[in-house]
C-alpha atoms as a PDB file:
ATOM      1  CA  MET A   1       0.312  -0.267  -0.077  1.00  0.00           C
ATOM      2  CA  LYS A   2       1.691   3.348  -0.698  1.00  0.00           C
ATOM      3  CA  CYS A   3       1.035   6.481   1.384  1.00  0.00           C
ATOM      4  CA  ARG A   4      -2.066   8.105  -0.810  1.00  0.00           C
ATOM      5  CA  GLU A   5      -3.808   4.835  -0.241  1.00  0.00           C
ATOM      6  CA  LEU A   6      -3.556   4.824   3.225  1.00  0.00           C
ATOM      7  CA  LEU A   7      -4.983   8.621   3.439  1.00  0.00           C
ATOM      8  CA  LYS A   8      -8.365   7.124   1.890  1.00  0.00           C
ATOM      9  CA  HIS A   9      -8.882   4.110   4.656  1.00  0.00           C
ATOM     10  CA  LEU A  10      -7.227   6.877   7.983  1.00  0.00           C
ATOM     11  CA  SER A  11     -10.304   7.452   9.010  1.00  0.00           C
ATOM     12  CA  ASP A  12     -12.442   3.728   8.867  1.00  0.00           C
ATOM     13  CA  TYR A  13      -8.494   2.650  10.003  1.00  0.00           C
ATOM     14  CA  ILE A  14      -8.834   5.268  13.274  1.00  0.00           C
ATOM     15  CA  ASP A  15     -12.309   4.404  14.140  1.00  0.00           C
ATOM     16  CA  ARG A  16     -11.486   0.937  13.584  1.00  0.00           C
ATOM     17  CA  ASP A  17     -14.575   0.439  11.191  1.00  0.00           C
ATOM     18  CA  LEU A  18     -12.333  -1.602   7.487  1.00  0.00           C
ATOM     19  CA  ASP A  19     -12.013  -4.684   6.949  1.00  0.00           C
ATOM     20  CA  ALA A  20      -9.406  -6.740   8.797  1.00  0.00           C
ATOM     21  CA  SER A  21      -6.745  -7.334   5.372  1.00  0.00           C
ATOM     22  CA  ILE A  22      -7.300  -4.039   4.653  1.00  0.00           C
ATOM     23  CA  CYS A  23      -5.987  -3.213   8.617  1.00  0.00           C
ATOM     24  CA  ARG A  24      -3.276  -5.141   7.372  1.00  0.00           C
ATOM     25  CA  HIS A  25      -2.207  -3.399   4.605  1.00  0.00           C
ATOM     26  CA  ILE A  26      -2.058  -0.391   6.868  1.00  0.00           C
ATOM     27  CA  ASP A  27      -0.048  -1.744   9.585  1.00  0.00           C
ATOM     28  CA  ALA A  28       2.715  -3.282   6.979  1.00  0.00           C
ATOM     29  CA  HIS A  29       2.902   0.131   5.486  1.00  0.00           C
ATOM     30  CA  MET A  30       3.205   1.986   9.148  1.00  0.00           C
ATOM     31  CA  LYS A  31       5.960  -0.195   9.438  1.00  0.00           C
ATOM     32  CA  GLY A  32       8.485   1.997   7.388  1.00  0.00           C
ATOM     33  CA  CYS A  33       6.998   4.707   6.476  1.00  0.00           C
ATOM     34  CA  ARG A  34       7.532   7.879   9.531  1.00  0.00           C
ATOM     35  CA  PRO A  35       5.616  10.485   7.974  1.00  0.00           C
ATOM     36  CA  CYS A  36       2.437   8.399   7.603  1.00  0.00           C
ATOM     37  CA  ILE A  37       3.256   7.013  11.455  1.00  0.00           C
ATOM     38  CA  ALA A  38       3.112  10.705  12.260  1.00  0.00           C
ATOM     39  CA  PHE A  39       0.341  11.306  10.533  1.00  0.00           C
ATOM     40  CA  ILE A  40      -1.663   8.758  12.068  1.00  0.00           C
ATOM     41  CA  ASN A  41      -1.138   9.690  15.834  1.00  0.00           C
ATOM     42  CA  THR A  42      -1.923  13.519  14.878  1.00  0.00           C
ATOM     43  CA  LEU A  43      -4.901  12.315  13.618  1.00  0.00           C
ATOM     44  CA  ARG A  44      -5.786  10.413  16.369  1.00  0.00           C
ATOM     45  CA  LYS A  45      -4.931  12.968  18.780  1.00  0.00           C
ATOM     46  CA  THR A  46      -6.854  15.284  17.487  1.00  0.00           C
ATOM     47  CA  LYS A  47     -10.225  12.572  17.109  1.00  0.00           C
ATOM     48  CA  GLY A  48      -9.639  13.061  20.674  1.00  0.00           C
ATOM     49  CA  VAL A  49      -9.307  16.063  21.789  1.00  0.00           C
ATOM     50  CA  LEU A  50     -12.460  16.867  19.645  1.00  0.00           C
ATOM     51  CA  GLU A  51     -14.599  13.775  21.063  1.00  0.00           C
ATOM     52  CA  ARG A  52     -13.640  15.899  24.427  1.00  0.00           C
ATOM     53  CA  GLN A  53     -15.470  18.625  23.512  1.00  0.00           C
ATOM     54  CA  PRO A  54     -18.957  19.405  24.646  1.00  0.00           C
ATOM     55  CA  LYS A  55     -21.569  18.960  21.985  1.00  0.00           C
ATOM     56  CA  ALA A  56     -22.740  22.308  20.864  1.00  0.00           C
ATOM     57  CA  VAL A  57     -26.380  22.348  20.942  1.00  0.00           C
ATOM     58  CA  PRO A  58     -28.332  24.977  18.964  1.00  0.00           C
ATOM     59  CA  SER A  59     -30.780  27.245  20.793  1.00  0.00           C
ATOM     60  CA  GLU A  60     -34.256  26.415  19.906  1.00  0.00           C
ATOM     61  CA  ARG A  61     -34.723  29.828  18.151  1.00  0.00           C
ATOM     62  CA  LEU A  62     -32.386  28.978  15.718  1.00  0.00           C
ATOM     63  CA  ARG A  63     -33.744  25.416  15.411  1.00  0.00           C
ATOM     64  CA  SER A  64     -36.753  26.421  14.473  1.00  0.00           C
ATOM     65  CA  ARG A  65     -35.534  28.540  12.237  1.00  0.00           C
ATOM     66  CA  TRP A  66     -34.337  25.401  10.305  1.00  0.00           C
ATOM     67  CA  ARG A  67     -37.553  23.635  10.444  1.00  0.00           C
ATOM     68  CA  LYS A  68     -39.165  26.542   8.925  1.00  0.00           C
ATOM     69  CA  LEU A  69     -36.357  26.928   6.135  1.00  0.00           C
ATOM     70  CA  LEU A  70     -36.367  22.819   5.318  1.00  0.00           C
ATOM     71  CA  SER A  71     -40.808  23.487   5.329  1.00  0.00           C
ATOM     72  CA  LYS A  72     -40.165  25.451   2.337  1.00  0.00           C
ATOM     73  CA  SER A  73     -37.690  23.305   0.209  1.00  0.00           C
END
């Protein structure tokens, strides 16, 4: 697997939502590719930071405006 191919699967790989054979290819690639290892580690850290953020809840006023806009389309 080449770096460009790995990038297509990274999110699913991190989420553990890939076929085992693709994961093996990614794991094999990362054994020898420091840039991909660094990129995946950074992506994992970023995902962790985002998951710890409080969930944004739109106000009732905003939700009402969205419903009106959506009902027109």
